[in-house]
């Protein structure tokens, strides 16, 4: 019973502690745990292989078939980092991520505030159009978007990457549904005290919406860090190339050592992996809080 002792303090979910008195329930719950463990092993195996391969030397990597390296080549990580100059590309990706997070929270939140709180005439039509945007693949608008960015002279700049994060239909819906559940008393009290609409958004709505802001910020960080196509079109060949753009150029170069590419791939996935591992509870909880209410 010790394996299931944590269910004594469980106050939510489908299975409660008294359900475990049934042998059938305990059996199927054990099967679920085993299935989840197998899925986790299958999902983590490529990462494990990547780490082990990156720690091999060149001779062992090409000649050996073992997964665990015989000699742990930690110096290879340092050499690859220094030779490819990853510090510069990490800084560029950090700039793209920082601006993207600010725009994602501010602009998407502002649109959701108008739709959920202000509700001007025609807001229903705007909300319907935003819902329709969820059905359109983002890649279909890349050509027109790139042409317009080029016309206004914003190529070779981080600004289009930031602004693109501020126009995400899914994040608008998350914000709106969260704002719908906020108490209206605070908003009315702020208006009585003379606070304008923008002041209500910045001083009342945003401080009360920290859970959903954290979720959208994490989504924005992951999306901005992993984005390739738009940074590739805008920043290729400039000193502002991000990690993903430079990783593509490494992979397409015939002069690059395959082992160095594996280490470069490992460097590129470390930040989003750590971010999701640390904040996975906040992500799932925030999505549930800001999910579409039926």
Protein backbone atom coordinates (compact mmCIF):
# COMPACT_ATOMS: atom_id res chain seq x y z
CA UNK A 1 0.00 0.00 0.00
CA UNK A 2 3.02 2.32 0.39
CA UNK A 3 3.20 2.83 -3.38
CA UNK A 4 -0.31 4.34 -3.29
CA UNK A 5 0.07 6.16 0.04
CA UNK A 6 0.20 9.57 -1.67
CA UNK A 7 -3.44 9.11 -2.66
CA UNK A 8 -4.45 9.59 0.99
CA UNK A 9 -3.88 13.34 0.66
CA UNK A 10 -5.31 13.58 -2.86
CA UNK A 11 -8.39 15.81 -3.09
CA UNK A 12 -8.89 16.01 -6.86
CA UNK A 13 -8.75 13.84 -9.94
CA UNK A 14 -10.65 10.72 -10.98
CA UNK A 15 -9.08 8.17 -8.63
CA UNK A 16 -9.34 8.72 -4.86
CA UNK A 17 -7.83 6.71 -2.01
CA UNK A 18 -11.01 4.77 -1.27
CA UNK A 19 -11.08 3.62 -4.94
CA UNK A 20 -7.88 1.68 -4.30
CA UNK A 21 -9.77 -0.82 -2.16
CA UNK A 22 -10.77 -2.42 -5.43
CA UNK A 23 -8.11 -4.78 -6.82
CA UNK A 24 -9.26 -4.03 -10.34
CA UNK A 25 -8.64 -0.30 -9.83
CA UNK A 26 -5.20 -0.93 -8.34
CA UNK A 27 -4.30 -3.23 -11.25
CA UNK A 28 -5.27 -0.75 -13.96
CA UNK A 29 -3.64 2.12 -12.09
CA UNK A 30 -0.40 0.11 -11.97
CA UNK A 31 -0.70 -0.56 -15.71
CA UNK A 32 -1.13 3.18 -16.31
CA UNK A 33 2.05 3.92 -14.33
CA UNK A 34 3.97 1.29 -16.30
CA UNK A 35 2.69 2.64 -19.63
CA UNK A 36 3.64 6.20 -18.64
CA UNK A 37 7.12 5.02 -17.61
CA UNK A 38 7.59 3.28 -20.98
CA UNK A 39 6.43 6.36 -22.89
CA UNK A 40 8.83 8.51 -20.86
CA UNK A 41 11.73 6.16 -21.65
CA UNK A 42 10.91 6.19 -25.36
CA UNK A 43 10.69 9.99 -25.36
CA UNK A 44 13.90 10.48 -23.39
CA UNK A 45 16.02 7.93 -25.26
CA UNK A 46 16.90 10.27 -28.20
CA UNK A 47 18.05 12.94 -25.73
CA UNK A 48 20.09 10.33 -23.83
CA UNK A 49 21.67 9.14 -27.09
CA UNK A 50 22.43 12.73 -28.09
CA UNK A 51 24.18 13.47 -24.81
CA UNK A 52 26.21 10.26 -24.88
CA UNK A 53 27.22 10.74 -28.52
CA UNK A 54 28.31 14.31 -27.87
CA UNK A 55 30.67 13.07 -25.15
CA UNK A 56 32.53 10.69 -27.48
CA UNK A 57 35.70 11.57 -29.33
CA UNK A 58 35.72 11.55 -33.12
CA UNK A 59 37.36 8.12 -33.47
CA UNK A 60 34.94 6.39 -31.11
CA UNK A 61 31.94 8.15 -32.62
CA UNK A 62 32.63 6.82 -36.13
CA UNK A 63 33.98 3.38 -35.23
CA UNK A 64 32.16 2.32 -32.05
CA UNK A 65 28.61 0.98 -31.77
CA UNK A 66 28.23 1.34 -28.02
CA UNK A 67 25.91 3.97 -26.63
CA UNK A 68 27.86 4.80 -23.48
CA UNK A 69 31.22 6.39 -24.38
CA UNK A 70 34.36 4.64 -23.23
CA UNK A 71 36.13 7.94 -22.62
CA UNK A 72 34.11 11.00 -21.60
CA UNK A 73 35.32 13.84 -23.81
CA UNK A 74 34.13 16.90 -21.85
CA UNK A 75 36.69 19.09 -23.58
CA UNK A 76 34.87 18.54 -26.87
CA UNK A 77 31.87 20.47 -25.56
CA UNK A 78 34.07 23.46 -24.73
CA UNK A 79 35.91 23.30 -28.07
CA UNK A 80 32.66 23.18 -30.07
CA UNK A 81 31.19 26.08 -28.10
CA UNK A 82 34.27 28.24 -28.62
CA UNK A 83 34.91 27.33 -32.26
CA UNK A 84 31.32 28.06 -33.31
CA UNK A 85 31.01 31.16 -31.13
CA UNK A 86 27.76 30.09 -29.50
CA UNK A 87 27.89 32.91 -26.95
CA UNK A 88 27.08 35.44 -29.67
CA UNK A 89 24.16 33.43 -31.05
CA UNK A 90 22.79 32.77 -27.57
CA UNK A 91 22.77 36.52 -26.99
CA UNK A 92 20.97 37.12 -30.30
CA UNK A 93 18.36 34.51 -29.44
CA UNK A 94 18.02 36.07 -25.99
CA UNK A 95 17.26 39.46 -27.56
CA UNK A 96 14.66 37.90 -29.86
CA UNK A 97 13.10 36.04 -26.92
CA UNK A 98 13.02 39.07 -24.59
CA UNK A 99 11.28 41.33 -27.11
CA UNK A 100 8.95 38.53 -28.16
CA UNK A 101 7.81 37.87 -24.59
CA UNK A 102 7.06 41.56 -23.97
CA UNK A 103 5.04 41.86 -27.18
CA UNK A 104 3.28 38.54 -26.61
CA UNK A 105 2.08 39.53 -23.15
CA UNK A 106 1.30 43.19 -23.84
CA UNK A 107 -0.34 43.14 -27.28
CA UNK A 108 -2.21 39.84 -26.99
CA UNK A 109 -3.31 40.79 -23.49
CA UNK A 110 -4.45 44.21 -24.69
CA UNK A 111 -6.59 42.71 -27.45
CA UNK A 112 -8.08 40.23 -24.99
CA UNK A 113 -8.78 43.08 -22.54
CA UNK A 114 -10.76 44.93 -25.21
CA UNK A 115 -12.75 41.80 -26.09
CA UNK A 116 -13.36 40.61 -22.52
CA UNK A 117 -13.76 43.84 -20.51
CA UNK A 118 -14.40 46.84 -22.76
CA UNK A 119 -16.47 44.96 -25.35
CA UNK A 120 -17.01 47.80 -27.84
CA UNK A 121 -19.46 47.53 -30.71
CA UNK A 122 -18.22 44.97 -33.21
CA UNK A 123 -16.08 43.07 -30.71
CA UNK A 124 -18.05 39.90 -31.45
CA UNK A 125 -17.01 40.09 -35.09
CA UNK A 126 -13.37 40.61 -34.11
CA UNK A 127 -13.52 37.62 -31.75
CA UNK A 128 -15.01 35.48 -34.53
CA UNK A 129 -12.19 36.51 -36.88
CA UNK A 130 -9.61 35.64 -34.23
CA UNK A 131 -11.23 32.22 -33.79
CA UNK A 132 -11.09 31.74 -37.55
CA UNK A 133 -7.37 32.54 -37.46
CA UNK A 134 -6.86 29.39 -35.41
CA UNK A 135 -7.89 27.38 -38.49
CA UNK A 136 -5.31 29.02 -40.78
CA UNK A 137 -1.78 27.50 -40.81
CA UNK A 138 0.73 30.25 -39.96
CA UNK A 139 3.03 29.31 -42.87
CA UNK A 140 0.38 30.35 -45.42
CA UNK A 141 0.94 34.02 -44.55
CA UNK A 142 4.74 33.99 -44.60
CA UNK A 143 5.11 35.20 -48.20
CA UNK A 144 2.80 38.19 -47.81
CA UNK A 145 4.25 38.97 -44.38
CA UNK A 146 7.83 38.89 -45.64
CA UNK A 147 7.00 41.07 -48.65
CA UNK A 148 5.39 43.71 -46.42
CA UNK A 149 8.28 43.61 -43.96
CA UNK A 150 10.69 44.14 -46.84
CA UNK A 151 8.64 47.07 -48.19
CA UNK A 152 8.76 48.98 -44.91
CA UNK A 153 12.47 48.29 -44.48
CA UNK A 154 12.42 46.14 -41.35
CA UNK A 155 14.60 43.33 -42.69
CA UNK A 156 17.82 42.56 -40.81
CA UNK A 157 16.03 43.59 -37.61
CA UNK A 158 14.55 41.88 -34.56
CA UNK A 159 11.47 44.13 -34.63
CA UNK A 160 9.34 41.93 -36.98
CA UNK A 161 10.12 38.90 -34.81
CA UNK A 162 8.93 40.77 -31.73
CA UNK A 163 5.75 42.08 -33.34
CA UNK A 164 4.87 38.65 -34.74
CA UNK A 165 4.72 37.32 -31.18
CA UNK A 166 2.19 40.04 -30.37
CA UNK A 167 -0.35 38.66 -32.86
CA UNK A 168 -1.16 35.11 -31.78
CA UNK A 169 -4.82 34.06 -31.86
CA UNK A 170 -4.37 31.20 -29.40
CA UNK A 171 -2.77 33.42 -26.78
CA UNK A 172 -5.51 36.02 -27.24
CA UNK A 173 -8.12 33.35 -26.49
CA UNK A 174 -6.19 32.23 -23.40
CA UNK A 175 -6.03 35.79 -22.11
CA UNK A 176 -9.68 36.52 -22.91
CA UNK A 177 -11.05 33.47 -21.14
CA UNK A 178 -8.92 34.22 -18.10
CA UNK A 179 -10.03 37.87 -18.06
CA UNK A 180 -13.67 36.74 -18.23
CA UNK A 181 -13.25 35.12 -14.82
CA UNK A 182 -11.70 38.12 -13.07
CA UNK A 183 -13.85 39.93 -10.47
CA UNK A 184 -15.52 43.01 -11.93
CA UNK A 185 -15.56 44.85 -8.58
CA UNK A 186 -11.89 45.82 -8.86
CA UNK A 187 -12.43 47.20 -12.35
CA UNK A 188 -15.45 49.24 -11.33
CA UNK A 189 -13.65 50.58 -8.24
CA UNK A 190 -10.69 51.65 -10.37
CA UNK A 191 -12.98 53.48 -12.78
CA UNK A 192 -14.75 55.26 -9.92
CA UNK A 193 -11.34 56.44 -8.70
CA UNK A 194 -10.73 57.98 -12.10
CA UNK A 195 -8.54 55.30 -13.70
CA UNK A 196 -8.80 55.19 -17.50
CA UNK A 197 -9.19 52.10 -19.65
CA UNK A 198 -5.46 51.74 -20.26
CA UNK A 199 -4.75 52.30 -16.58
CA UNK A 200 -7.24 49.58 -15.66
CA UNK A 201 -5.38 47.20 -17.98
CA UNK A 202 -1.90 47.99 -16.64
CA UNK A 203 -2.74 48.50 -12.95
CA UNK A 204 -5.61 46.08 -12.35
CA UNK A 205 -5.90 43.43 -15.06
CA UNK A 206 -2.22 42.54 -15.50
CA UNK A 207 -1.41 42.24 -11.76
CA UNK A 208 -4.44 39.96 -11.32
CA UNK A 209 -3.42 37.79 -14.28
CA UNK A 210 0.01 36.56 -13.26
CA UNK A 211 -0.79 32.83 -13.78
CA UNK A 212 -1.84 33.23 -17.41
CA UNK A 213 0.95 35.76 -18.05
CA UNK A 214 3.49 33.17 -16.88
CA UNK A 215 1.99 30.56 -19.21
CA UNK A 216 1.96 32.84 -22.26
CA UNK A 217 5.48 34.04 -21.45
CA UNK A 218 6.75 30.45 -21.32
CA UNK A 219 5.01 29.65 -24.60
CA UNK A 220 6.51 32.79 -26.15
CA UNK A 221 10.01 31.94 -24.92
CA UNK A 222 9.80 28.45 -26.40
CA UNK A 223 8.33 29.68 -29.68
CA UNK A 224 10.81 32.54 -30.10
CA UNK A 225 13.80 30.35 -29.24
CA UNK A 226 12.75 27.53 -31.60
CA UNK A 227 11.61 29.77 -34.47
CA UNK A 228 13.62 29.21 -37.62
CA UNK A 229 11.83 30.29 -40.81
CA UNK A 230 11.22 33.96 -40.06
CA UNK A 231 14.67 34.58 -38.48
CA UNK A 232 16.20 32.73 -41.44
CA UNK A 233 14.44 34.99 -43.94
CA UNK A 234 15.21 38.19 -42.04
CA UNK A 235 18.55 37.67 -40.34
CA UNK A 236 20.54 35.24 -42.49
CA UNK A 237 23.99 36.59 -43.28
CA UNK A 238 23.81 39.32 -40.62
CA UNK A 239 25.54 39.53 -37.21
CA UNK A 240 22.08 39.06 -35.63
CA UNK A 241 21.63 35.38 -36.57
CA UNK A 242 19.94 33.31 -33.86
CA UNK A 243 20.94 29.87 -32.62
CA UNK A 244 18.51 28.03 -34.92
CA UNK A 245 19.63 29.95 -38.03
CA UNK A 246 23.29 29.30 -37.30
CA UNK A 247 22.57 25.66 -36.53
CA UNK A 248 21.11 25.30 -40.04
CA UNK A 249 24.22 26.81 -41.60
CA UNK A 250 26.39 24.43 -39.56
CA UNK A 251 24.39 21.44 -40.74
CA UNK A 252 24.45 22.51 -44.41
CA UNK A 253 28.21 23.03 -44.44
CA UNK A 254 30.19 20.03 -45.69
CA UNK A 255 33.24 21.19 -43.74
CA UNK A 256 31.55 20.89 -40.36
CA UNK A 257 32.32 17.83 -38.26
CA UNK A 258 29.21 15.71 -37.65
CA UNK A 259 30.13 15.38 -33.98
CA UNK A 260 30.26 19.17 -33.67
CA UNK A 261 26.77 19.35 -35.18
CA UNK A 262 25.45 16.92 -32.56
CA UNK A 263 26.92 19.08 -29.81
CA UNK A 264 25.44 22.18 -31.45
CA UNK A 265 22.01 20.53 -31.54
CA UNK A 266 22.38 19.72 -27.85
CA UNK A 267 23.20 23.36 -27.08
CA UNK A 268 20.11 24.50 -28.99
CA UNK A 269 17.64 22.29 -27.09
CA UNK A 270 18.98 22.83 -23.56
CA UNK A 271 17.17 26.15 -22.74
CA UNK A 272 13.62 25.15 -23.82
CA UNK A 273 14.00 21.70 -22.25
CA UNK A 274 15.03 23.15 -18.88
CA UNK A 275 12.28 25.77 -19.11
CA UNK A 276 9.53 23.23 -19.73
CA UNK A 277 10.87 20.84 -17.08
CA UNK A 278 10.84 23.56 -14.41
CA UNK A 279 7.52 25.20 -15.31
CA UNK A 280 5.45 22.26 -16.60
CA UNK A 281 2.97 22.49 -13.71
CA UNK A 282 2.43 26.21 -14.32
CA UNK A 283 1.97 25.55 -18.05
CA UNK A 284 -0.69 22.89 -17.59
CA UNK A 285 -2.41 24.76 -14.77
CA UNK A 286 -2.50 28.01 -16.70
CA UNK A 287 -3.88 26.36 -19.82
CA UNK A 288 -6.66 24.82 -17.75
CA UNK A 289 -7.44 28.17 -16.11
CA UNK A 290 -7.40 30.02 -19.41
CA UNK A 291 -8.99 27.27 -21.48
CA UNK A 292 -12.10 27.69 -23.51
CA UNK A 293 -15.13 27.45 -21.25
CA UNK A 294 -18.05 25.41 -22.51
